[in-house]
Protein backbone atom coordinates (compact mmCIF):
# COMPACT_ATOMS: atom_id res chain seq x y z
CA MET A 1 119.86 18.40 132.30
CA LEU A 2 116.90 20.45 131.23
CA SER A 3 117.71 23.33 128.94
CA ASP A 4 116.73 26.80 130.15
CA LEU A 5 113.82 26.79 127.70
CA GLN A 6 112.56 23.38 128.83
CA GLN A 7 112.83 24.43 132.47
CA GLN A 8 110.85 27.61 131.77
CA LYS A 9 108.08 25.67 130.02
CA LEU A 10 107.87 22.97 132.69
CA THR A 11 107.81 25.65 135.39
CA HIS A 12 104.98 27.42 133.53
CA TYR A 13 103.03 24.15 133.37
CA PHE A 14 103.63 23.50 137.07
CA ASN A 15 102.34 26.99 137.87
CA ILE A 16 99.21 26.32 135.81
CA LEU A 17 98.58 23.02 137.58
CA ASP A 18 99.29 24.56 141.01
CA PHE A 19 95.82 26.08 141.12
CA ASP A 20 96.03 27.46 144.67
CA LYS A 21 99.57 28.82 144.05
CA ASN A 22 101.02 27.29 147.22
CA GLY A 23 104.07 25.84 145.44
CA ILE A 24 102.87 22.24 145.74
CA LEU A 25 100.93 20.07 143.29
CA GLU A 26 98.20 18.14 145.07
CA LYS A 27 94.79 16.64 144.45
CA GLU A 28 93.01 19.84 145.53
CA ASP A 29 94.61 21.69 142.60
CA PHE A 30 93.03 19.28 140.16
CA THR A 31 89.69 19.34 141.98
CA ALA A 32 89.63 23.15 141.67
CA VAL A 33 90.04 22.83 137.90
CA GLY A 34 87.14 20.36 137.89
CA GLU A 35 85.01 22.86 139.80
CA ASN A 36 85.87 25.54 137.24
CA LEU A 37 84.88 23.20 134.42
CA ALA A 38 81.60 22.29 136.10
CA ILE A 39 80.73 25.97 136.51
CA LEU A 40 81.89 26.79 132.98
CA TRP A 41 79.70 24.05 131.54
CA GLY A 42 76.69 24.99 133.68
CA PHE A 43 76.57 21.96 135.99
CA ARG A 44 74.84 22.76 139.27
CA TYR A 45 76.65 21.78 142.43
CA GLY A 46 75.63 18.32 143.63
CA THR A 47 74.09 17.17 140.34
CA SER A 48 75.22 13.97 138.67
CA GLU A 49 76.93 15.99 135.91
CA TYR A 50 78.81 18.09 138.46
CA ASN A 51 79.88 15.03 140.45
CA ALA A 52 80.94 13.21 137.27
CA CYS A 53 83.08 16.18 136.24
CA ILE A 54 84.81 16.29 139.63
CA SER A 55 85.26 12.52 139.66
CA ARG A 56 86.79 12.58 136.20
CA ILE A 57 89.28 15.31 137.06
CA GLU A 58 90.20 13.47 140.26
CA GLN A 59 90.89 10.41 138.11
CA ASN A 60 93.22 12.64 136.08
CA TRP A 61 95.10 13.40 139.31
CA ASN A 62 95.42 9.67 139.97
CA ASP A 63 96.61 9.05 136.41
CA PHE A 64 99.05 11.96 136.66
CA ARG A 65 100.48 10.55 139.88
CA SER A 66 100.87 7.10 138.31
CA PHE A 67 103.42 8.58 135.90
CA THR A 68 105.50 10.17 138.66
CA LYS A 69 107.66 8.78 141.44
CA TRP A 70 107.59 11.55 144.02
CA GLU A 71 108.77 11.08 147.57
CA ASP A 72 105.25 11.82 148.80
CA PRO A 73 102.81 10.44 146.20
CA ASP A 74 100.14 12.93 147.26
CA LYS A 75 102.10 16.10 146.48
CA ALA A 76 105.05 17.47 144.59
CA THR A 77 107.21 20.56 144.78
CA LEU A 78 108.44 22.43 141.73
CA GLN A 79 111.85 20.81 142.09
CA GLU A 80 110.32 17.33 142.17
CA TRP A 81 108.28 18.21 139.08
CA LEU A 82 111.40 19.50 137.26
CA ASP A 83 113.34 16.38 138.26
CA PHE A 84 110.50 14.25 136.88
CA GLY A 85 110.54 16.34 133.69
CA ASP A 86 114.28 15.88 133.29
CA LYS A 87 114.53 12.19 134.16
CA ALA A 88 111.28 10.91 132.69
CA LEU A 89 110.09 13.32 129.99
CA ILE A 90 113.29 14.70 128.50
CA HIS A 91 115.92 12.03 129.18
CA GLY A 92 113.84 8.98 130.05
CA GLU A 93 112.63 5.97 128.15
CA GLU A 94 111.02 6.84 124.84
CA GLU A 95 108.13 4.41 125.38
CA PHE A 96 107.26 6.01 128.74
CA TYR A 97 107.49 9.48 127.24
CA GLN A 98 105.22 8.60 124.33
CA ARG A 99 102.62 7.14 126.72
CA TYR A 100 102.74 10.35 128.77
CA VAL A 101 102.41 12.62 125.71
CA ILE A 102 99.53 10.59 124.32
CA LYS A 103 97.85 10.57 127.76
CA VAL A 104 98.08 14.37 128.13
CA ALA A 105 96.85 14.95 124.57
CA GLU A 106 93.97 12.49 125.03
CA GLU A 107 92.96 14.10 128.33
CA ILE A 108 92.83 17.50 126.69
CA PHE A 109 90.65 16.04 123.93
CA ASP A 110 88.42 14.11 126.29
CA PHE A 111 87.68 17.22 128.31
CA PHE A 112 87.59 19.98 125.73
CA ASP A 113 86.15 18.42 122.57
CA THR A 114 82.77 19.04 124.16
CA ASP A 115 80.75 18.48 120.98
CA LYS A 116 82.68 15.23 120.34
CA ASP A 117 83.34 16.03 116.68
CA GLY A 118 86.97 14.88 116.84
CA HIS A 119 88.39 18.40 116.79
CA ILE A 120 88.88 21.20 119.26
CA ALA A 121 87.34 24.45 118.07
CA LEU A 122 88.54 27.83 119.30
CA ASN A 123 85.67 28.18 121.78
CA GLU A 124 86.53 24.75 123.23
CA TYR A 125 90.20 25.71 123.48
CA ILE A 126 89.21 28.91 125.29
CA ASP A 127 87.46 26.69 127.84
CA LEU A 128 90.84 25.12 128.60
CA PHE A 129 92.28 28.57 129.33
CA MET A 130 89.32 29.49 131.50
CA ALA A 131 89.35 26.23 133.46
CA PHE A 132 93.07 26.50 134.25
CA ARG A 133 93.01 30.29 134.71
CA ILE A 134 95.50 30.85 131.89
CA GLU A 135 95.53 34.41 130.59
CA ILE A 136 92.71 34.26 128.09
CA ARG A 137 94.06 37.09 125.97
CA TYR A 138 96.61 34.62 124.56
CA SER A 139 94.11 31.89 123.69
CA ALA A 140 93.40 32.91 120.08
CA LYS A 141 97.08 33.41 119.29
CA SER A 142 97.93 30.09 120.92
CA TYR A 143 95.18 28.33 119.00
CA THR A 144 96.38 29.75 115.69
CA ARG A 145 99.94 28.64 116.41
CA LEU A 146 98.82 25.09 117.20
CA ASP A 147 96.56 24.83 114.13
CA LEU A 148 99.37 23.61 111.88
CA ASN A 149 97.25 23.15 108.75
CA SER A 150 95.25 26.37 109.27
CA ASP A 151 91.86 24.66 109.05
CA ASP A 152 90.45 26.45 112.12
CA GLN A 153 90.30 23.30 114.23
CA LEU A 154 92.80 21.31 116.26
CA SER A 155 93.04 17.64 115.40
CA ARG A 156 94.28 14.92 117.72
CA GLU A 157 97.50 14.78 115.71
CA GLU A 158 98.03 18.52 116.12
CA MET A 159 97.42 18.18 119.86
CA VAL A 160 99.91 15.31 120.20
CA SER A 161 102.44 17.39 118.26
CA ALA A 162 101.80 20.41 120.49
CA VAL A 163 102.16 18.39 123.71
CA ASP A 164 105.35 16.79 122.40
CA GLN A 165 106.85 20.14 121.43
CA PHE A 166 105.80 21.76 124.68
CA PHE A 167 107.54 19.15 126.81
CA ARG A 168 110.59 18.35 124.70
CA SER A 169 111.38 20.98 122.13
CA ASP A 170 114.32 23.28 122.69
CA ASP A 171 113.28 25.41 119.70
CA GLU A 172 111.98 28.79 120.86
CA ASP A 173 109.81 29.01 117.74
CA ALA A 174 108.10 25.61 118.09
CA PRO A 175 104.31 26.09 117.82
CA GLY A 176 103.71 23.70 120.72
CA ASN A 177 105.38 26.15 123.09
CA TRP A 178 102.05 28.00 123.00
CA LEU A 179 99.96 25.04 124.22
CA PHE A 180 99.34 26.69 127.61
CA GLY A 181 99.55 30.30 126.49
CA PHE A 182 102.26 32.86 126.86
CA TRP A 183 104.86 32.04 129.51
CA GLY A 184 107.42 34.79 129.19
CA THR A 185 109.96 33.98 126.54
CA ASN A 186 107.88 32.43 123.80
CA ARG A 187 107.79 34.91 121.03
CA MET A 188 104.81 37.13 120.50
């Protein structure tokens, strides 16, 4: 069973991914994030850069689906997402879980390390909040919490740690709880 804390975090993540807020995760939710990114990065509609951005985010949807075993592979309800979280992420095979954590962390890096220097700077992390419509006022605090060595940049290792803590930790004070901003019970 998911703990109350894990359920709250996974519900928060579902709500972030459910871009149109219809209670179902589907490809269109991911495409909307891609459109936000294209606009944020100044890609004009119909250009090769815009189309590449949309294509890449749609590939993320396909990758995301490959990890899940939903009744309908093209959509998932909150309950299906929580069941996946419980059976696969929290209580599933360690090898599968590690692949999922690494995949999520790598996707974040691939998208948001825009200058490709191997680190995510605060302005790049703010792009994540803007693309997913996460309350931006928590971005700097979240970034500081995730920057474990206080060097003003997020490394791949810090991102993997944050993703791992976000999905699995039952510690209310774990820095990774802030990966996707404030979600209600994580401490200010």
